[in-house]
């Protein structure tokens, strides 16, 4: 078939990577057969027309992401590169992933409660105390604070990858203010518009209902469990890279979109300044970091937060999602201890495995990694978005030497992992298929009523040939993710 050709007329190369669509050369996996057949029947002109229609819709609706680059004087706002070939996950495969995600987030939530209360895991010698209290995201202000419903992690984005055998691994936990929700929902809306018959015939699980779960999770945190609590999304403003998402979520869930200047603290309560007076806020879904949340408690020069919000929070008059201080649990060094958390708090074996991880604060592991730096991926523990990374196999000798020096100067700032051969999926380039590496950001929503995993999540694509970096902030794109019903 013409579709199993690359744009340079070479065969679609499978190599040693796990390919989501193809089991072997010209052999399509059964759950992809309908999609493969549908795209194979389309002429190049039809595909190009659909691509133009999709790009036009994304531009009209402002589905954008702002890129910041040190060499550019002005940030670059652009539409998210979106590939029309969906990633498809069979129902039984997703069921295992879903169980693993729920298990992981529940253990992480228990861990956060423990670290801000008894610290039993520290006392039992399972995690060093200095990794907690020395963590840049540890907030002493949260010690012995009982968060609404015991829910620290209302929203989480868990990054999953597949190795060359097709096994799922957790690459990263994003628990502070994970992004990507809007691209997931918009991807589905665009695919339903462009390929309505295909989406219907494949019988895929709906994602729109997850917005109701999102809203229910936020409502459940209301301190007085009001039937109609006032909920607001706190954004840094229109110049934030994810502002489109903030506006989209607020509109879709029917909640207030506010900036810090729209809010005021009075009598240990938080109010929105409205046209008709003050409106008390019951739940604040914040999309700003702890540092900027309250200038009286954290960074004193912050103009983004609300002076006095932490006093209102500790008084039990407002819920904040995610809870302040959750960042200690998505630190990349703490990640290495999540399997131990699952065993300790839940008394279960992890369903989803971690990628093998070396803590460079440990001398033996550090020396092992330094001898093999060209084979490793090294990450700065407190950074995200693809920043502060060394990908050994694609790095120059100078870059490797510079990173080795940084590691020796401050080894506790870094972890290392072997380079995983991320699975690949086909993308459309010039009407032909080309393989690109992918991961999956799965979204988990937790409220007092339970835990919900959005079916499928957001498949992120490294658009540069051979690249393993899928982050939007580094130029990556996305696909719609279909979980078969």
Protein backbone atom coordinates (compact mmCIF):
# COMPACT_ATOMS: atom_id res chain seq x y z
CA UNK A 1 0.00 0.00 0.00
CA UNK A 2 1.15 3.53 -0.70
CA UNK A 3 0.66 4.49 2.92
CA UNK A 4 3.47 2.21 4.12
CA UNK A 5 6.06 4.39 2.41
CA UNK A 6 8.11 7.23 3.69
CA UNK A 7 8.09 10.58 1.96
CA UNK A 8 11.49 9.78 0.39
CA UNK A 9 10.00 6.53 -1.03
CA UNK A 10 12.06 4.37 1.32
CA UNK A 11 10.13 1.63 3.20
CA UNK A 12 8.64 2.59 6.57
CA UNK A 13 11.54 1.50 8.84
CA UNK A 14 10.64 -0.54 11.92
CA UNK A 15 14.22 -1.10 13.15
CA UNK A 16 14.42 -2.22 16.80
CA UNK A 17 11.70 0.09 18.15
CA UNK A 18 8.22 -0.96 19.20
CA UNK A 19 5.84 0.47 16.61
CA UNK A 20 2.27 1.24 17.68
CA UNK A 21 0.72 0.55 14.25
CA UNK A 22 2.94 -2.07 12.63
CA UNK A 23 3.84 -5.45 14.15
CA UNK A 24 6.36 -6.11 11.40
CA UNK A 25 7.09 -4.84 7.88
CA UNK A 26 3.69 -4.31 6.18
CA UNK A 27 1.83 -6.12 9.00
CA UNK A 28 -0.73 -3.86 10.68
CA UNK A 29 -1.71 -4.55 14.29
CA UNK A 30 -5.39 -5.67 14.44
CA UNK A 31 -6.62 -2.70 16.50
CA UNK A 32 -5.15 -0.29 13.91
CA UNK A 33 -6.59 -2.02 10.86
CA UNK A 34 -9.62 0.26 10.36
CA UNK A 35 -7.58 3.43 10.74
CA UNK A 36 -4.87 2.15 8.42
CA UNK A 37 -7.42 1.17 5.78
CA UNK A 38 -9.18 4.53 6.01
CA UNK A 39 -6.00 6.58 5.59
CA UNK A 40 -4.73 4.28 2.84
CA UNK A 41 -7.84 5.00 0.75
CA UNK A 42 -7.38 8.76 0.97
CA UNK A 43 -5.65 10.63 -1.81
CA UNK A 44 -2.81 12.98 -1.06
CA UNK A 45 -4.97 15.98 -2.01
CA UNK A 46 -7.69 14.92 0.45
CA UNK A 47 -5.19 14.54 3.28
CA UNK A 48 -3.68 17.92 2.52
CA UNK A 49 -7.16 19.52 2.52
CA UNK A 50 -7.94 18.01 5.92
CA UNK A 51 -4.58 19.17 7.26
CA UNK A 52 -5.30 22.73 6.10
CA UNK A 53 -8.81 22.61 7.62
CA UNK A 54 -7.34 21.40 10.91
CA UNK A 55 -4.63 24.09 10.96
CA UNK A 56 -7.21 26.76 10.17
CA UNK A 57 -9.47 25.63 13.01
CA UNK A 58 -6.59 25.57 15.51
CA UNK A 59 -5.62 29.10 14.48
CA UNK A 60 -9.21 30.39 14.67
CA UNK A 61 -9.73 28.89 18.11
CA UNK A 62 -6.35 30.06 19.39
CA UNK A 63 -5.12 26.55 20.29
CA UNK A 64 -1.62 27.80 20.99
CA UNK A 65 1.45 27.29 23.12
CA UNK A 66 4.07 29.96 23.80
CA UNK A 67 7.69 28.96 23.25
CA UNK A 68 10.43 30.76 25.17
CA UNK A 69 13.95 30.55 23.81
CA UNK A 70 17.01 32.32 25.24
CA UNK A 71 18.15 33.36 21.74
CA UNK A 72 14.83 35.10 20.97
CA UNK A 73 14.02 38.56 22.27
CA UNK A 74 10.28 37.86 22.08
CA UNK A 75 8.44 34.63 23.01
CA UNK A 76 6.97 32.77 20.03
CA UNK A 77 3.28 31.89 20.14
CA UNK A 78 2.34 29.05 17.81
CA UNK A 79 -0.31 26.45 17.24
CA UNK A 80 0.45 23.00 18.60
CA UNK A 81 1.63 20.72 15.77
CA UNK A 82 -1.15 18.13 15.55
CA UNK A 83 -0.90 14.83 13.68
CA UNK A 84 -4.07 13.35 12.24
CA UNK A 85 -3.25 9.65 12.68
CA UNK A 86 -4.60 8.72 16.12
CA UNK A 87 -2.76 6.58 18.61
CA UNK A 88 -4.95 3.57 19.46
CA UNK A 89 -4.90 1.55 22.69
CA UNK A 90 -6.92 -1.69 23.04
CA UNK A 91 -9.38 -1.80 25.96
CA UNK A 92 -7.66 -4.63 27.87
CA UNK A 93 -4.29 -2.87 27.58
CA UNK A 94 -5.78 0.38 28.87
CA UNK A 95 -7.48 -1.42 31.78
CA UNK A 96 -4.05 -2.43 33.10
CA UNK A 97 -2.65 1.08 32.59
CA UNK A 98 -5.66 2.61 34.34
CA UNK A 99 -5.28 0.37 37.40
CA UNK A 100 -1.59 1.21 37.58
CA UNK A 101 -2.24 4.95 37.38
CA UNK A 102 -4.89 4.90 40.12
CA UNK A 103 -2.58 2.84 42.34
CA UNK A 104 0.34 5.20 41.78
CA UNK A 105 -1.53 8.44 42.43
CA UNK A 106 -3.19 7.06 45.55
CA UNK A 107 0.23 6.07 46.94
CA UNK A 108 1.68 9.49 46.09
CA UNK A 109 -1.26 11.18 47.84
CA UNK A 110 -0.69 9.03 50.94
CA UNK A 111 3.01 9.90 50.79
CA UNK A 112 2.27 13.64 50.78
CA UNK A 113 -0.04 13.33 53.77
CA UNK A 114 2.64 11.37 55.59
CA UNK A 115 5.44 13.83 54.79
CA UNK A 116 3.39 16.75 56.12
CA UNK A 117 2.28 14.86 59.21
CA UNK A 118 4.00 11.90 60.96
CA UNK A 119 6.74 11.21 58.34
CA UNK A 120 6.47 7.49 59.07
CA UNK A 121 8.29 6.51 55.88
CA UNK A 122 11.24 8.62 57.01
CA UNK A 123 11.18 7.23 60.54
CA UNK A 124 11.14 3.68 59.17
CA UNK A 125 14.29 4.43 57.17
CA UNK A 126 12.74 4.02 53.73
CA UNK A 127 13.55 7.52 52.50
CA UNK A 128 16.23 9.95 53.75
CA UNK A 129 14.84 12.89 55.73
CA UNK A 130 17.14 15.34 53.95
CA UNK A 131 15.50 14.45 50.63
CA UNK A 132 12.25 15.80 52.05
CA UNK A 133 13.18 18.84 54.14
CA UNK A 134 15.98 19.81 51.72
CA UNK A 135 13.66 19.63 48.73
CA UNK A 136 13.05 23.03 47.09
CA UNK A 137 9.32 22.23 46.91
CA UNK A 138 8.93 21.24 50.57
CA UNK A 139 6.69 23.76 52.33
CA UNK A 140 7.07 23.86 56.13
CA UNK A 141 3.89 25.99 56.15
CA UNK A 142 1.97 22.82 55.21
CA UNK A 143 3.11 20.79 58.22
CA UNK A 144 0.12 19.38 60.13
CA UNK A 145 -2.36 21.12 57.82
CA UNK A 146 -5.31 18.86 57.07
CA UNK A 147 -6.15 19.46 53.44
CA UNK A 148 -9.81 19.26 52.30
CA UNK A 149 -10.85 15.63 51.94
CA UNK A 150 -7.24 14.54 52.38
CA UNK A 151 -6.74 15.21 48.65
CA UNK A 152 -3.38 16.75 47.83
CA UNK A 153 -3.28 15.77 44.16
CA UNK A 154 -6.54 16.74 42.46
CA UNK A 155 -4.91 16.75 39.02
CA UNK A 156 -1.88 14.79 37.92
CA UNK A 157 -0.17 14.13 34.62
CA UNK A 158 1.74 10.85 34.62
CA UNK A 159 4.12 10.43 31.68
CA UNK A 160 4.27 6.88 30.30
CA UNK A 161 6.58 5.36 27.71
CA UNK A 162 6.89 1.94 26.08
CA UNK A 163 10.19 0.15 25.56
CA UNK A 164 11.25 -1.98 22.59
CA UNK A 165 9.16 -4.89 23.96
CA UNK A 166 6.03 -2.74 24.18
CA UNK A 167 6.00 -2.70 28.01
CA UNK A 168 4.73 0.44 29.73
CA UNK A 169 6.93 2.34 32.17
CA UNK A 170 6.33 5.52 34.16
CA UNK A 171 8.85 8.11 33.08
CA UNK A 172 7.74 11.04 35.24
CA UNK A 173 5.09 12.23 37.70
CA UNK A 174 3.74 15.78 37.20
CA UNK A 175 1.82 16.81 40.30
CA UNK A 176 2.15 20.55 40.82
CA UNK A 177 0.04 21.97 37.99
CA UNK A 178 0.18 19.55 35.06
CA UNK A 179 -0.74 20.93 31.65
CA UNK A 180 -2.12 19.43 28.46
CA UNK A 181 -5.78 18.87 29.34
CA UNK A 182 -7.06 21.28 26.70
CA UNK A 183 -5.02 19.70 23.91
CA UNK A 184 -6.50 16.31 24.80
CA UNK A 185 -10.08 17.58 24.53
CA UNK A 186 -9.41 19.74 21.46
CA UNK A 187 -7.62 16.87 19.69
CA UNK A 188 -10.72 14.74 20.06
CA UNK A 189 -13.06 17.51 18.89
CA UNK A 190 -10.94 18.09 15.78
CA UNK A 191 -10.76 14.37 14.95
CA UNK A 192 -14.51 14.01 15.37
CA UNK A 193 -15.01 16.89 12.94
CA UNK A 194 -12.47 15.71 10.34
CA UNK A 195 -13.16 11.96 10.50
CA UNK A 196 -16.67 11.48 11.98
CA UNK A 197 -17.34 8.08 10.33
CA UNK A 198 -13.95 6.70 11.35
CA UNK A 199 -14.25 7.83 14.98
CA UNK A 200 -17.75 6.32 15.18
CA UNK A 201 -16.89 3.01 13.50
CA UNK A 202 -13.89 2.40 15.77
CA UNK A 203 -16.07 2.58 18.90
CA UNK A 204 -13.76 4.67 21.07
CA UNK A 205 -14.27 5.76 24.66
CA UNK A 206 -15.56 9.27 25.15
CA UNK A 207 -13.41 11.90 26.83
CA UNK A 208 -15.95 14.72 27.10
CA UNK A 209 -17.51 13.17 30.22
CA UNK A 210 -14.15 13.60 31.93
CA UNK A 211 -14.82 17.35 32.16
CA UNK A 212 -17.73 16.48 34.46
CA UNK A 213 -15.37 14.34 36.56
CA UNK A 214 -12.92 17.26 36.64
CA UNK A 215 -15.62 19.62 37.90
CA UNK A 216 -16.92 17.04 40.40
CA UNK A 217 -13.42 16.55 41.81
CA UNK A 218 -13.06 20.30 42.37
CA UNK A 219 -16.55 20.62 43.86
CA UNK A 220 -15.86 17.79 46.29
CA UNK A 221 -13.06 19.84 47.88
CA UNK A 222 -15.40 22.63 48.99
CA UNK A 223 -14.65 23.12 52.71
CA UNK A 224 -18.32 23.14 53.69
CA UNK A 225 -19.32 20.65 50.95
CA UNK A 226 -21.68 23.19 49.42
CA UNK A 227 -23.95 21.89 46.67
CA UNK A 228 -22.96 24.81 44.42
CA UNK A 229 -19.52 25.99 45.55
CA UNK A 230 -17.86 28.95 43.85
CA UNK A 231 -14.82 27.66 41.95
CA UNK A 232 -12.16 29.81 40.30
CA UNK A 233 -9.15 29.00 38.12
CA UNK A 234 -6.18 31.18 39.08
CA UNK A 235 -4.02 31.96 36.02
CA UNK A 236 -0.81 34.00 35.80
CA UNK A 237 -2.44 35.81 32.87
CA UNK A 238 -2.55 35.94 29.11
CA UNK A 239 1.22 35.93 28.69
CA UNK A 240 1.57 32.50 30.30
CA UNK A 241 2.47 29.72 27.84
CA UNK A 242 -0.61 27.69 28.79
CA UNK A 243 -3.12 30.55 28.97
CA UNK A 244 -5.24 29.03 26.20
CA UNK A 245 -5.69 25.96 28.39
CA UNK A 246 -6.64 28.02 31.44
CA UNK A 247 -9.32 29.88 29.49
CA UNK A 248 -10.58 26.68 27.85
CA UNK A 249 -10.97 24.77 31.12
CA UNK A 250 -12.67 27.67 32.89
CA UNK A 251 -15.13 28.06 30.03
CA UNK A 252 -15.85 24.33 29.66
CA UNK A 253 -16.40 23.76 33.38
CA UNK A 254 -18.31 27.01 33.92
CA UNK A 255 -15.94 28.32 36.59
CA UNK A 256 -14.43 31.77 37.10
CA UNK A 257 -11.15 32.62 35.36
CA UNK A 258 -9.21 34.99 37.60
CA UNK A 259 -5.80 36.55 38.07
CA UNK A 260 -4.33 37.45 41.44
CA UNK A 261 -5.44 41.06 41.06
CA UNK A 262 -9.07 39.89 40.80
CA UNK A 263 -8.94 38.35 44.28
CA UNK A 264 -8.75 39.76 47.77
CA UNK A 265 -8.32 38.18 51.22
CA UNK A 266 -10.57 39.41 54.02
CA UNK A 267 -11.18 37.81 57.42
CA UNK A 268 -9.26 34.69 56.35
CA UNK A 269 -11.51 34.22 53.33
CA UNK A 270 -10.88 34.73 49.62
CA UNK A 271 -13.18 36.83 47.47
CA UNK A 272 -13.52 37.71 43.79
CA UNK A 273 -13.99 41.40 43.14
CA UNK A 274 -17.25 41.39 41.18
CA UNK A 275 -19.33 44.10 39.55
CA UNK A 276 -21.91 43.71 42.31
CA UNK A 277 -19.50 43.30 45.21
CA UNK A 278 -17.38 40.51 46.65
CA UNK A 279 -18.02 36.82 45.86
CA UNK A 280 -16.51 34.28 48.24
CA UNK A 281 -14.37 31.59 46.58
CA UNK A 282 -14.73 28.05 47.94
CA UNK A 283 -12.27 26.21 45.68
CA UNK A 284 -9.28 27.66 43.86
CA UNK A 285 -7.79 25.59 41.03
CA UNK A 286 -4.44 27.29 40.74
CA UNK A 287 -2.18 27.19 37.70
CA UNK A 288 0.68 29.08 39.29
CA UNK A 289 3.56 27.64 41.32
CA UNK A 290 3.74 27.75 45.12
CA UNK A 291 6.40 30.46 45.03
CA UNK A 292 3.96 32.96 43.53
CA UNK A 293 0.81 31.91 45.40
CA UNK A 294 1.04 34.20 48.43
CA UNK A 295 3.62 36.98 48.82
CA UNK A 296 3.10 36.93 52.59
CA UNK A 297 4.05 33.25 52.83
CA UNK A 298 6.38 32.59 49.89
CA UNK A 299 8.04 34.89 47.36
CA UNK A 300 7.44 38.42 48.71
CA UNK A 301 7.69 40.21 45.35
CA UNK A 302 5.09 38.03 43.62
CA UNK A 303 2.45 39.98 41.71
CA UNK A 304 0.61 36.83 40.56
CA UNK A 305 -0.89 35.48 43.76
CA UNK A 306 -3.06 36.69 46.62
CA UNK A 307 -1.69 38.13 49.84
CA UNK A 308 -3.24 36.16 52.70
CA UNK A 309 -4.44 33.12 50.77
CA UNK A 310 -2.38 30.73 52.92
CA UNK A 311 -4.03 32.07 56.08
CA UNK A 312 -7.45 31.49 54.50
CA UNK A 313 -6.32 28.01 53.45
CA UNK A 314 -5.06 27.07 56.92
CA UNK A 315 -8.29 28.44 58.41
CA UNK A 316 -10.21 25.96 56.26
CA UNK A 317 -12.13 28.62 54.33
CA UNK A 318 -10.83 27.84 50.85
CA UNK A 319 -9.54 24.71 49.12
CA UNK A 320 -6.53 24.93 46.80
CA UNK A 321 -5.97 22.37 44.05
CA UNK A 322 -3.38 21.07 43.88
CA UNK A 323 -2.46 21.56 47.51
CA UNK A 324 0.63 23.68 48.21
CA UNK A 325 3.70 21.54 48.75
CA UNK A 326 2.79 18.74 46.33
CA UNK A 327 6.00 19.46 44.44
CA UNK A 328 8.06 17.24 46.75
CA UNK A 329 6.31 14.23 45.22
CA UNK A 330 7.11 15.07 41.59
CA UNK A 331 10.76 15.75 42.26
CA UNK A 332 12.73 13.43 39.97
CA UNK A 333 14.77 12.00 42.84
CA UNK A 334 11.63 11.20 44.87
CA UNK A 335 10.31 9.42 41.74
CA UNK A 336 12.80 6.62 42.43
CA UNK A 337 10.98 5.86 45.71
CA UNK A 338 7.44 5.58 44.30
CA UNK A 339 7.52 1.75 44.01
CA UNK A 340 8.51 1.66 47.70
CA UNK A 341 5.61 4.03 48.51
CA UNK A 342 3.15 1.68 46.81
CA UNK A 343 4.42 -1.27 48.86
CA UNK A 344 4.55 0.76 52.08
CA UNK A 345 1.22 2.59 52.00
CA UNK A 346 -0.94 0.26 49.92
CA UNK A 347 0.77 -3.09 50.63
CA UNK A 348 0.63 -3.90 46.92
CA UNK A 349 3.16 -4.57 44.18
CA UNK A 350 3.46 -1.76 41.58
CA UNK A 351 1.40 -2.43 38.46
CA UNK A 352 3.41 0.08 36.40
CA UNK A 353 7.19 -0.03 36.72
CA UNK A 354 9.59 2.89 36.96
CA UNK A 355 12.35 3.38 34.45
CA UNK A 356 15.58 2.26 36.23
CA UNK A 357 16.89 5.39 37.94
CA UNK A 358 20.27 6.28 39.43
CA UNK A 359 20.45 8.82 42.25
CA UNK A 360 23.67 10.73 41.69
CA UNK A 361 23.85 11.75 45.34
CA UNK A 362 24.95 8.13 45.94
CA UNK A 363 28.68 7.77 45.26
CA UNK A 364 28.56 4.30 43.68
CA UNK A 365 25.69 5.19 41.37
CA UNK A 366 27.33 8.51 40.47
CA UNK A 367 30.60 6.87 39.47
CA UNK A 368 28.74 4.23 37.46
CA UNK A 369 26.83 6.93 35.54
CA UNK A 370 29.85 9.18 34.97
CA UNK A 371 31.64 6.28 33.29
CA UNK A 372 28.65 5.80 30.95
CA UNK A 373 27.38 9.36 30.52
CA UNK A 374 27.18 8.98 26.75
CA UNK A 375 24.59 6.21 27.20
CA UNK A 376 22.42 7.97 29.80
CA UNK A 377 19.65 10.53 30.05
CA UNK A 378 20.49 12.91 32.92
CA UNK A 379 17.82 15.19 34.39
CA UNK A 380 17.89 18.00 36.90
CA UNK A 381 15.56 16.84 39.68
CA UNK A 382 13.52 20.01 40.09
CA UNK A 383 13.04 20.98 36.43
CA UNK A 384 10.42 19.87 33.91
CA UNK A 385 9.36 20.55 30.33
CA UNK A 386 12.50 19.02 28.84
CA UNK A 387 14.79 21.61 30.46
CA UNK A 388 18.00 20.77 32.33
CA UNK A 389 18.49 17.48 30.46
CA UNK A 390 21.39 15.67 28.83
CA UNK A 391 20.54 12.97 26.29
CA UNK A 392 23.86 11.17 26.14
CA UNK A 393 23.60 9.36 22.79
CA UNK A 394 22.84 12.60 20.93
CA UNK A 395 25.13 14.91 22.95
CA UNK A 396 28.52 16.20 21.86
CA UNK A 397 31.71 15.37 23.74
CA UNK A 398 31.79 18.97 25.01
CA UNK A 399 28.22 18.78 26.31
CA UNK A 400 28.95 15.49 28.09
CA UNK A 401 32.09 16.90 29.70
CA UNK A 402 30.23 20.03 30.85
CA UNK A 403 27.42 17.96 32.37
CA UNK A 404 29.94 15.68 34.13
CA UNK A 405 31.45 18.76 35.75
CA UNK A 406 28.03 19.98 36.91
CA UNK A 407 27.25 16.55 38.39
CA UNK A 408 30.52 16.50 40.34
CA UNK A 409 29.86 19.99 41.69
CA UNK A 410 26.30 19.27 42.89
CA UNK A 411 25.41 15.57 42.46
CA UNK A 412 22.18 15.81 44.49
CA UNK A 413 20.62 17.98 41.77
CA UNK A 414 20.62 15.16 39.21
CA UNK A 415 19.29 11.71 38.46
CA UNK A 416 20.18 9.51 35.51
CA UNK A 417 18.31 6.87 33.56
CA UNK A 418 19.38 4.54 30.77
CA UNK A 419 18.26 5.77 27.35
CA UNK A 420 14.96 4.00 26.67
CA UNK A 421 14.13 3.28 23.05
CA UNK A 422 10.74 5.02 23.11
CA UNK A 423 8.04 3.40 21.04
CA UNK A 424 7.17 5.02 17.74
CA UNK A 425 4.00 5.78 15.86
CA UNK A 426 3.47 6.93 12.28
CA UNK A 427 2.90 10.61 11.51
CA UNK A 428 1.77 12.12 8.22
CA UNK A 429 4.45 14.05 6.35
CA UNK A 430 3.65 15.14 2.81
CA UNK A 431 0.87 12.57 2.55
CA UNK A 432 3.16 9.68 3.55
CA UNK A 433 3.92 7.90 6.81
CA UNK A 434 7.07 8.56 8.81
CA UNK A 435 7.91 7.06 12.23
CA UNK A 436 8.37 9.36 15.22
CA UNK A 437 8.99 8.67 18.90
CA UNK A 438 6.08 9.21 21.29
CA UNK A 439 5.10 9.13 24.93
CA UNK A 440 1.74 9.37 26.70
CA UNK A 441 0.72 11.93 29.31
CA UNK A 442 -2.10 10.25 31.23
CA UNK A 443 -4.32 12.47 33.37
CA UNK A 444 -5.70 11.37 36.75
CA UNK A 445 -8.38 13.35 38.61
CA UNK A 446 -8.85 12.80 42.34
CA UNK A 447 -11.62 14.10 44.56
CA UNK A 448 -13.38 12.98 47.71
CA UNK A 449 -15.68 10.88 45.53
CA UNK A 450 -12.90 8.76 44.03
CA UNK A 451 -10.26 8.71 41.32
CA UNK A 452 -10.90 9.05 37.57
CA UNK A 453 -8.45 8.45 34.74
CA UNK A 454 -9.26 10.27 31.50
CA UNK A 455 -9.45 7.54 28.82
CA UNK A 456 -6.34 7.78 26.66
CA UNK A 457 -4.62 10.97 27.70
CA UNK A 458 -2.39 13.04 25.41
CA UNK A 459 0.07 11.35 23.08
CA UNK A 460 3.06 13.64 22.61
CA UNK A 461 5.26 13.34 19.53
CA UNK A 462 8.94 14.16 19.00
CA UNK A 463 8.54 15.66 15.52
CA UNK A 464 12.24 15.90 14.77
CA UNK A 465 13.44 12.66 13.18
CA UNK A 466 15.31 10.53 15.72
CA UNK A 467 14.57 12.90 18.62
CA UNK A 468 13.39 11.57 21.99
CA UNK A 469 12.21 14.97 23.32
CA UNK A 470 8.41 15.18 23.07
CA UNK A 471 7.70 18.25 25.25
CA UNK A 472 5.63 21.05 23.69
CA UNK A 473 8.08 23.52 25.21
CA UNK A 474 10.80 21.88 23.11
CA UNK A 475 8.84 21.88 19.85
CA UNK A 476 6.96 18.58 20.19
CA UNK A 477 3.51 17.88 18.77
CA UNK A 478 0.54 15.74 19.76
CA UNK A 479 -1.97 13.12 18.59
CA UNK A 480 -5.46 12.17 19.62
CA UNK A 481 -5.41 8.99 21.73
CA UNK A 482 -8.19 6.48 21.21
CA UNK A 483 -9.03 3.87 23.84
CA UNK A 484 -11.23 1.22 22.25
CA UNK A 485 -14.50 0.65 24.09
